[in-house]
Protein backbone atom coordinates (compact mmCIF):
# COMPACT_ATOMS: atom_id res chain seq x y z
CA MET A 1 20.38 -11.84 -25.10
CA THR A 2 17.21 -10.47 -23.49
CA ALA A 3 19.20 -9.07 -20.57
CA PHE A 4 21.61 -7.34 -22.97
CA PHE A 5 18.83 -5.58 -24.88
CA THR A 6 17.03 -4.69 -21.64
CA TRP A 7 20.14 -2.93 -20.34
CA TYR A 8 20.75 -1.29 -23.71
CA ILE A 9 17.22 0.14 -23.77
CA ILE A 10 17.41 1.28 -20.14
CA LEU A 11 20.72 3.07 -20.68
CA THR A 12 19.60 4.62 -23.96
CA LEU A 13 16.43 5.98 -22.36
CA LEU A 14 18.48 7.16 -19.40
CA GLY A 15 20.80 9.06 -21.74
CA TRP A 16 17.89 10.86 -23.41
CA ILE A 17 16.31 11.60 -20.03
CA THR A 18 19.57 13.13 -18.78
CA PHE A 19 20.56 15.04 -21.93
CA PRO A 20 18.51 18.19 -21.16
CA LEU A 21 20.37 18.38 -17.86
CA THR A 22 23.82 17.95 -19.40
CA TYR A 23 22.82 20.46 -22.09
CA SER A 24 22.38 23.04 -19.33
CA LEU A 25 25.42 21.97 -17.31
CA PHE A 26 27.98 21.94 -20.17
CA PRO A 27 27.35 25.05 -22.29
CA ALA A 28 31.01 25.31 -23.28
CA LEU A 29 31.17 21.84 -24.84
CA ARG A 30 30.49 21.43 -28.54
CA ASP A 31 28.37 18.31 -27.90
CA ARG A 32 26.65 19.92 -24.86
CA GLY A 33 27.35 16.77 -22.87
CA TYR A 34 25.48 14.41 -25.18
CA THR A 35 28.27 11.80 -25.17
CA LEU A 36 28.38 12.00 -21.36
CA ALA A 37 24.62 11.86 -20.80
CA ARG A 38 24.40 8.11 -20.10
CA ALA A 39 27.29 8.14 -17.63
CA ALA A 40 26.03 11.33 -15.94
CA GLY A 41 22.52 9.93 -15.70
CA LEU A 42 23.71 6.68 -14.16
CA LEU A 43 25.89 8.51 -11.62
CA ILE A 44 23.18 10.99 -10.61
CA TRP A 45 20.50 8.30 -10.45
CA GLY A 46 22.76 5.95 -8.48
CA TYR A 47 23.93 8.66 -6.08
CA ALA A 48 20.38 9.87 -5.40
CA PHE A 49 19.27 6.29 -4.73
CA TRP A 50 22.26 5.56 -2.48
CA LEU A 51 21.78 8.79 -0.52
CA LEU A 52 18.04 8.30 -0.03
CA ALA A 53 18.50 4.68 1.06
CA SER A 54 21.39 5.59 3.37
CA LEU A 55 19.37 8.35 5.05
CA GLY A 56 16.35 6.09 5.46
CA ALA A 57 14.21 8.21 3.11
CA ALA A 58 13.77 5.26 0.72
CA GLN A 59 14.03 1.49 0.84
CA ASN A 60 16.48 -0.56 -1.17
CA ASP A 61 13.78 -1.81 -3.51
CA THR A 62 12.20 -1.02 -6.86
CA GLY A 63 10.16 1.81 -5.35
CA GLY A 64 13.27 3.52 -4.00
CA ILE A 65 15.03 3.14 -7.35
CA LEU A 66 12.08 4.65 -9.24
CA PHE A 67 11.82 7.49 -6.72
CA ALA A 68 15.48 8.39 -7.32
CA LEU A 69 14.85 8.21 -11.07
CA ALA A 70 11.90 10.58 -10.65
CA LEU A 71 14.25 13.12 -9.06
CA LEU A 72 16.55 12.91 -12.08
CA ILE A 73 13.57 13.29 -14.43
CA GLY A 74 12.49 16.35 -12.45
CA LEU A 75 15.89 17.99 -12.93
CA SER A 76 15.78 17.28 -16.66
CA VAL A 77 12.21 18.59 -17.00
CA PHE A 78 13.32 21.81 -15.30
CA SER A 79 16.17 22.08 -17.81
CA VAL A 80 13.79 21.46 -20.74
CA VAL A 81 11.42 24.17 -19.52
CA ARG A 82 14.29 26.64 -19.46
CA SER A 83 15.35 26.09 -23.09
CA PRO A 84 13.11 23.64 -25.02
CA LEU A 85 13.63 25.15 -28.47
CA ALA A 86 17.41 25.27 -28.09
CA ILE A 87 17.57 21.57 -27.26
CA VAL A 88 15.36 20.65 -30.22
CA GLU A 89 17.49 22.78 -32.52
CA PHE A 90 20.67 21.15 -31.20
CA ILE A 91 19.29 17.68 -31.96
CA LYS A 92 18.26 18.70 -35.47
CA SER A 93 21.63 20.25 -36.30
CA ASN A 94 23.82 17.52 -34.76
CA LYS A 95 22.38 14.33 -36.21
CA PRO A 96 25.83 12.97 -37.30
CA LEU A 97 27.14 13.35 -33.72
CA ILE A 98 24.06 11.65 -32.25
CA LEU A 99 24.10 8.82 -34.79
CA THR A 100 27.83 8.17 -34.34
CA THR A 101 27.49 8.15 -30.56
CA GLU A 102 24.56 5.74 -30.64
CA ILE A 103 26.28 3.34 -33.05
CA LEU A 104 29.54 3.44 -31.08
CA PHE A 105 27.76 2.75 -27.80
CA PHE A 106 25.83 -0.21 -29.21
CA VAL A 107 28.87 -1.73 -30.95
CA ALA A 108 31.13 -1.33 -27.89
CA PHE A 109 28.49 -2.66 -25.50
CA ALA A 110 27.69 -5.62 -27.77
CA PHE A 111 31.36 -6.40 -28.40
CA LEU A 112 32.38 -6.75 -24.77
CA ALA A 113 29.12 -8.49 -23.85
CA PHE A 114 29.95 -11.05 -26.54
CA VAL A 115 33.47 -11.43 -25.17
CA ARG A 116 32.16 -11.92 -21.63
CA SER A 117 29.57 -14.44 -22.86
CA ALA A 118 32.43 -16.70 -24.00
CA ASN A 119 33.64 -16.93 -20.38
CA PRO A 120 30.85 -15.72 -18.08
CA ASP A 121 31.98 -17.56 -14.94
CA LEU A 122 32.99 -15.23 -12.11
CA THR A 123 35.65 -17.40 -10.55
CA GLY A 124 38.90 -15.47 -11.01
CA THR A 125 40.66 -12.57 -9.26
CA GLU A 126 38.19 -10.43 -7.25
CA ARG A 127 35.07 -11.48 -9.14
CA PRO A 128 33.65 -13.82 -6.46
CA MET A 129 33.94 -10.99 -3.90
CA GLU A 130 32.32 -8.51 -6.30
CA LEU A 131 29.44 -10.91 -6.99
CA ALA A 132 28.98 -11.42 -3.25
CA PHE A 133 28.75 -7.65 -2.74
CA ILE A 134 26.21 -7.28 -5.57
CA ASN A 135 24.04 -10.07 -4.14
CA GLY A 136 24.46 -8.65 -0.64
CA ILE A 137 23.19 -5.27 -1.83
CA LEU A 138 20.25 -6.90 -3.61
CA ARG A 139 19.26 -8.67 -0.38
CA SER A 140 19.72 -5.73 2.02
CA PRO A 141 16.53 -3.75 2.79
CA THR A 142 18.47 -0.58 3.66
CA PHE A 143 21.95 0.92 3.34
CA PRO A 144 24.68 0.38 4.30
CA PRO A 145 24.18 -3.12 2.89
CA GLN A 146 24.98 -6.20 4.93
CA ASP A 147 28.44 -7.70 4.47
CA PRO A 148 28.13 -11.21 2.96
CA TRP A 149 31.54 -12.10 4.41
CA LEU A 150 30.84 -11.01 7.99
CA SER A 151 27.32 -11.66 9.27
CA GLY A 152 25.79 -8.82 11.26
CA TYR A 153 28.08 -6.12 9.88
CA ALA A 154 27.77 -3.65 7.02
CA ILE A 155 30.05 -3.71 4.00
CA SER A 156 33.28 -1.98 5.00
CA TYR A 157 34.30 -1.11 1.46
CA TYR A 158 33.78 1.36 -1.35
CA TYR A 159 30.59 -0.19 -2.71
CA PHE A 160 28.98 2.57 -4.82
CA GLY A 161 29.82 0.85 -8.11
CA TYR A 162 28.15 -2.30 -6.85
CA VAL A 163 25.09 -0.25 -5.85
CA MET A 164 24.71 0.94 -9.44
CA THR A 165 25.13 -2.63 -10.69
CA ALA A 166 22.55 -3.97 -8.24
CA MET A 167 20.22 -1.08 -9.05
CA LEU A 168 20.25 -1.93 -12.76
CA ALA A 169 19.93 -5.64 -11.95
CA ARG A 170 16.81 -5.05 -9.85
CA ILE A 171 15.15 -2.70 -12.32
CA SER A 172 15.83 -5.09 -15.22
CA GLY A 173 14.93 -8.24 -13.29
CA ILE A 174 18.18 -10.15 -13.90
CA ASN A 175 20.48 -12.03 -11.53
CA GLY A 176 23.66 -10.71 -9.97
CA SER A 177 26.14 -12.70 -12.07
CA THR A 178 24.61 -11.56 -15.37
CA ALA A 179 24.52 -7.99 -14.05
CA HIS A 180 28.23 -8.20 -13.20
CA ASN A 181 29.13 -9.15 -16.77
CA LEU A 182 26.79 -6.55 -18.26
CA MET A 183 28.20 -3.83 -16.01
CA THR A 184 31.71 -4.72 -17.19
CA SER A 185 30.49 -4.35 -20.77
CA LEU A 186 28.67 -1.13 -19.92
CA VAL A 187 31.74 0.49 -18.39
CA PHE A 188 33.65 -0.34 -21.58
CA ALA A 189 30.89 1.17 -23.75
CA LEU A 190 30.60 4.31 -21.64
CA GLY A 191 34.36 4.69 -21.82
CA ALA A 192 34.21 4.38 -25.61
CA ILE A 193 31.64 7.11 -26.14
CA GLY A 194 33.23 9.23 -23.42
CA SER A 195 36.57 9.07 -25.22
CA TYR A 196 34.87 9.90 -28.50
CA GLY A 197 33.18 12.87 -26.82
CA ILE A 198 36.48 14.20 -25.49
CA LEU A 199 38.07 14.04 -28.95
CA PHE A 200 35.00 15.55 -30.59
CA ASN A 201 34.97 18.51 -28.21
CA LEU A 202 38.72 19.08 -28.48
CA LEU A 203 38.80 18.95 -32.28
CA SER A 204 35.58 20.85 -33.02
């Protein structure tokens, strides 16, 4: 339960941190990217962290994660400075959109987290491999992370999704298996509000 609320708070704060940036990037959208802010923030944060760690400019640790987050915050601050009053006015005039998005995200995230809690074991299909990759990334000091299946070699796979999972696991202080189940729930919740955002923008 604590891990669920920790991730919920982190992602909610991340969405608000990123919204000024999406507001500037999506001027043609009716919601100005509000429904996409969490997903955009996670992608930008994760990509910046992966790139810095891969280039050797940051370590695969909490400091590197926070440094990448600081870059995202810098971009958003720059966006706020450009149009602070417009963003405030948007928030004031779109409270139903914001409230609906927040409720939908929480309900979708909580629903699938509850479903996963009924069967949290990662023993079927590709889940053991995915958990091994997450734990391998958590234990690797730099990128590319070490392959848990082949000692002495880097992961020869598309591992960016696992980097984001491990990044959130490290910053929230939870283990890899719990992070795997929470990331599954998070993807479902981000898909829910993303779908709502698409419909909202098309029908507005």
